Protein backbone atom coordinates (compact mmCIF):
# COMPACT_ATOMS: atom_id res chain seq x y z
CA MET A 1 142.58 99.60 90.71
CA ILE A 2 142.48 101.75 93.81
CA MET A 3 138.65 101.57 93.76
CA ASN A 4 138.79 97.77 93.96
CA GLU A 5 141.12 97.87 96.93
CA THR A 6 138.84 100.19 98.93
CA ASN A 7 135.76 98.18 97.91
CA ASP A 8 137.44 94.98 99.06
CA GLN A 9 138.30 96.63 102.37
CA ASN A 10 134.66 97.71 102.89
CA ARG A 11 133.14 94.33 102.09
CA LEU A 12 132.24 91.96 104.89
CA THR A 13 132.76 88.23 104.80
CA ASN A 14 129.83 85.84 105.22
CA ASP A 15 130.97 85.12 108.77
CA GLU A 16 131.12 88.84 109.57
CA LEU A 17 127.63 89.36 108.11
CA LYS A 18 126.24 86.46 110.14
CA ASN A 19 127.88 87.79 113.28
CA ARG A 20 126.44 91.26 112.65
CA GLU A 21 122.95 89.82 112.09
CA LYS A 22 123.26 87.70 115.24
CA HIS A 23 123.98 90.78 117.37
CA GLU A 24 121.33 93.07 115.87
CA PRO A 25 118.60 94.04 118.34
CA ARG A 26 115.43 91.98 118.04
CA ILE A 27 112.15 93.85 117.68
CA LYS A 28 108.99 92.86 119.52
CA SER A 29 106.00 94.53 117.89
CA ASN A 30 103.37 92.48 119.70
CA PHE A 31 104.30 93.96 123.09
CA LEU A 32 103.48 97.58 122.28
CA LYS A 33 101.42 99.00 125.11
CA CYS A 34 98.53 101.23 124.11
CA PRO A 35 98.73 104.67 125.76
CA SER A 36 95.95 105.15 128.31
CA TYR A 37 95.20 108.71 127.17
CA LEU A 38 93.97 107.70 123.71
CA SER A 39 90.23 107.79 123.10
CA GLU A 40 88.37 104.48 123.07
CA GLU A 41 88.10 104.62 119.27
CA ALA A 42 91.84 105.29 118.91
CA LYS A 43 92.63 102.46 121.34
CA LYS A 44 90.52 100.11 119.22
CA GLU A 45 92.47 101.10 116.09
CA TRP A 46 95.75 100.74 118.01
CA ARG A 47 94.87 97.18 119.04
CA ARG A 48 93.81 96.31 115.49
CA ILE A 49 97.09 97.55 114.01
CA VAL A 50 99.32 95.96 116.67
CA LYS A 51 97.49 92.65 116.18
CA LEU A 52 98.18 92.80 112.44
CA TYR A 53 101.84 93.60 113.11
CA SER A 54 102.11 90.60 115.41
CA GLU A 55 100.97 88.31 112.59
CA LEU A 56 103.92 89.22 110.38
CA ILE A 57 106.88 86.86 110.13
CA GLU A 58 109.30 89.63 111.04
CA PRO A 59 108.33 92.28 113.60
CA ILE A 60 108.65 95.76 112.12
CA ILE A 61 107.84 98.33 114.80
CA THR A 62 109.17 99.06 118.27
CA ASP A 63 108.61 101.47 121.13
CA LEU A 64 110.42 104.01 118.96
CA ASP A 65 107.38 104.06 116.67
CA ILE A 66 104.76 104.73 119.36
CA SER A 67 104.38 108.42 118.54
CA ALA A 68 103.79 107.74 114.86
CA LEU A 69 101.26 105.03 115.72
CA GLU A 70 99.47 107.42 118.10
CA VAL A 71 99.18 110.09 115.40
CA TYR A 72 97.94 107.48 112.92
CA CYS A 73 95.25 106.13 115.28
CA ASN A 74 94.05 109.61 116.22
CA ALA A 75 93.94 110.63 112.55
CA VAL A 76 91.81 107.58 111.71
CA VAL A 77 89.32 108.51 114.44
CA ARG A 78 89.29 112.16 113.37
CA TYR A 79 88.73 111.17 109.74
CA ARG A 80 85.80 108.92 110.59
CA LYS A 81 84.13 111.57 112.74
CA ALA A 82 84.62 114.29 110.15
CA ILE A 83 83.26 112.15 107.31
CA GLN A 84 80.23 111.29 109.44
CA LYS A 85 79.60 115.02 109.95
CA VAL A 86 79.95 115.66 106.21
CA LEU A 87 77.44 112.89 105.49
CA GLU A 88 75.02 114.37 108.05
CA THR A 89 75.25 117.83 106.44
CA SER A 90 76.75 118.32 102.97
CA GLU A 91 80.09 118.95 101.33
CA VAL A 92 79.09 122.49 100.33
CA TYR A 93 77.05 125.14 102.13
CA THR A 94 76.18 128.77 101.50
CA SER A 95 76.74 131.55 103.99
CA LYS A 96 73.80 133.67 105.09
CA GLY A 97 75.33 136.98 104.08
CA ASP A 98 76.57 136.51 100.53
CA PHE A 99 75.18 133.11 99.49
CA LYS A 100 78.58 132.06 98.15
CA PRO A 101 79.12 128.31 98.14
CA ARG A 102 81.75 127.26 100.67
CA LYS A 103 83.38 123.98 101.51
CA ASN A 104 82.11 122.31 104.65
CA PRO A 105 84.79 122.74 107.38
CA TRP A 106 84.29 119.07 108.31
CA GLN A 107 85.47 118.16 104.80
CA THR A 108 88.68 120.12 105.42
CA ILE A 109 89.21 118.25 108.69
CA ALA A 110 88.60 114.93 106.92
CA ASN A 111 91.07 115.83 104.15
CA GLU A 112 93.77 116.80 106.66
CA ALA A 113 93.21 113.59 108.62
CA ALA A 114 93.38 111.57 105.39
CA ASP A 115 96.74 113.18 104.60
CA GLN A 116 98.03 112.21 108.06
CA ILE A 117 96.71 108.67 107.62
CA LYS A 118 98.54 108.38 104.32
CA LYS A 119 101.79 109.89 105.64
CA TYR A 120 101.95 107.93 108.89
CA GLY A 121 100.56 104.79 107.27
CA GLU A 122 103.55 104.83 104.92
CA LEU A 123 105.96 105.36 107.83
CA LEU A 124 104.38 102.46 109.70
CA LEU A 125 104.33 100.23 106.59
CA LEU A 126 100.53 100.05 106.59
CA ASN A 127 100.10 100.04 102.83
CA PRO A 128 101.21 97.53 100.20
CA VAL A 129 103.68 99.87 98.49
CA SER A 130 105.58 100.74 101.66
CA ARG A 131 105.69 97.07 102.70
CA ALA A 132 107.02 96.09 99.27
CA ARG A 133 109.70 98.79 99.47
CA ALA A 134 110.77 97.45 102.85
CA GLY A 135 110.73 93.88 101.53
CA ILE A 136 108.24 92.52 104.07
CA VAL A 137 105.34 91.22 102.07
CA LYS A 138 105.68 87.61 103.23
CA PRO A 139 102.74 86.25 105.21
CA LYS A 140 103.06 83.74 108.04
CA GLU A 141 103.44 80.19 106.80
CA ASP A 142 99.91 79.22 107.83
CA MET A 143 98.29 82.11 105.91
CA SER A 144 98.01 82.42 102.17
CA PRO A 145 99.12 85.75 100.64
CA GLU A 146 95.48 86.46 99.74
CA ALA A 147 94.31 85.85 103.30
CA CYS A 148 97.10 88.06 104.66
CA PHE A 149 96.12 90.87 102.27
CA ILE A 150 92.41 90.61 103.09
CA ARG A 151 93.22 90.56 106.79
CA SER A 152 95.34 93.69 106.43
CA LEU A 153 92.28 95.47 105.05
CA GLY A 154 90.40 94.74 108.24
CA VAL A 155 87.76 92.65 106.45
C-alpha cells in the first residue's frame, strides 16, 4: 500500500502535464547557422541535413547539437575523400621491402570516418532506427511517408 501512495504523489494530473508541456522550451532546428570554418563540402552537407531537419513536424536539434553536427559533416567529407583515394589506388598494397600485403591507409581513414558517421548520425537521429526510438518518424502532412524516407536518403 505504501508503494501506491508514493506513486500517486509522483503522478501529475492532466492539467499539470499540459502546463509543463506549455512551458517547455521550443526548439528551432531550421535556424542553425553553419560555422564559417567548415570546408565547402562540409558546409554543403550541413545545409542538406539542416534542411531535412526543418521538414520534420517537430524540430529535434538545437544550438546544443552544433558540435555533433560539425563532427558528422566533417566525417562525411573525410569518408568521401578517403573512399575516392581507395578507388584510385587499391584496398591492399605491398611494401617494397618485404612484399607483405598491407591495408591501404586510406581504407583505415574511411573506416574511422564511417564509424563517426554512424555514431554521430545516431546521436543526431539521422537513421531510421534512432528516429523510431525517439518516436519521430512522422512526416509533414503534405508528404507521404515514402516521400519523406526517400528525401532523407538524399535522392
